[in-house]
Amino acid sequence: MGSGCANDELTQGAKKPRERRRREKIQKKRLLALGVPEAAIVQMTTKKIRELLVRPARTKKLWAKKK
């Protein structure tokens, strides 16, 4: 009986908390550069942040109207 992990190419390492924090920090900086106020970013969930970064031009236009 094998362990099921004989082929290393089929296994993927776990996501590291430090890398996750680094990615979130970069995403928040990208939103700030697009003109989203920091107060609004703090209240957003990570899912909402990622959704806004999918279409940066639309995000920039959306927050330009609110200013």
Protein backbone atom coordinates (compact mmCIF):
# COMPACT_ATOMS: atom_id res chain seq x y z
CA MET A 1 0.00 0.00 0.00
CA GLY A 2 1.30 3.41 -0.96
CA SER A 3 0.65 6.72 0.69
CA GLY A 4 -0.87 8.18 -2.46
CA CYS A 5 1.81 10.87 -2.77
CA ALA A 6 4.36 9.03 -4.86
CA ASN A 7 4.32 11.70 -7.56
CA ASP A 8 5.41 15.08 -6.16
CA GLU A 9 4.09 16.89 -9.25
CA LEU A 10 0.54 16.06 -8.21
CA THR A 11 0.81 17.55 -4.73
CA GLN A 12 0.69 21.24 -3.91
CA GLY A 13 2.04 22.92 -0.82
CA ALA A 14 -0.19 24.75 1.63
CA LYS A 15 -0.59 28.51 1.34
CA LYS A 16 1.51 30.31 3.90
CA PRO A 17 -0.03 32.98 6.20
CA ARG A 18 2.91 35.31 5.59
CA GLU A 19 2.44 35.14 1.82
CA ARG A 20 -1.29 35.75 2.25
CA ARG A 21 -0.66 38.90 4.29
CA ARG A 22 1.87 40.07 1.69
CA ARG A 23 -0.62 39.59 -1.16
CA GLU A 24 -3.37 41.43 0.73
CA LYS A 25 -1.02 44.33 1.46
CA ILE A 26 -0.09 44.64 -2.23
CA GLN A 27 -3.75 44.50 -3.27
CA LYS A 28 -4.65 47.30 -0.84
CA LYS A 29 -1.83 49.46 -2.27
CA ARG A 30 -3.16 48.84 -5.78
CA LEU A 31 -6.63 50.00 -4.74
CA LEU A 32 -5.17 53.14 -3.15
CA ALA A 33 -3.39 53.89 -6.43
CA LEU A 34 -6.72 53.56 -8.26
CA GLY A 35 -8.22 56.30 -6.07
CA VAL A 36 -10.19 54.28 -3.54
CA PRO A 37 -10.11 56.00 -0.11
CA GLU A 38 -8.29 54.15 2.65
CA ALA A 39 -11.33 54.33 4.94
CA ALA A 40 -13.34 52.40 2.36
CA ILE A 41 -10.60 49.79 1.86
CA VAL A 42 -10.41 49.05 5.59
CA GLN A 43 -14.12 48.21 5.67
CA MET A 44 -13.95 45.91 2.62
CA THR A 45 -13.61 42.15 2.76
CA THR A 46 -10.73 40.49 0.91
CA LYS A 47 -13.23 39.06 -1.57
CA LYS A 48 -14.54 42.55 -2.40
CA ILE A 49 -10.98 43.85 -2.81
CA ARG A 50 -10.18 41.09 -5.31
CA GLU A 51 -13.42 41.76 -7.21
CA LEU A 52 -12.51 45.43 -7.61
CA LEU A 53 -9.03 44.58 -8.88
CA VAL A 54 -10.37 42.31 -11.61
CA ARG A 55 -11.44 45.39 -13.63
CA PRO A 56 -9.18 48.28 -12.57
CA ALA A 57 -10.47 50.75 -15.17
CA ARG A 58 -14.07 50.27 -14.00
CA THR A 59 -12.99 50.61 -10.36
CA LYS A 60 -11.15 53.85 -11.11
CA LYS A 61 -14.20 55.29 -12.88
CA LEU A 62 -16.54 54.17 -10.09
CA TRP A 63 -14.57 55.85 -7.32
CA ALA A 64 -13.88 58.98 -9.38
CA LYS A 65 -17.64 59.64 -9.44
CA LYS A 66 -17.91 59.33 -5.65
CA LYS A 67 -15.30 62.02 -4.97
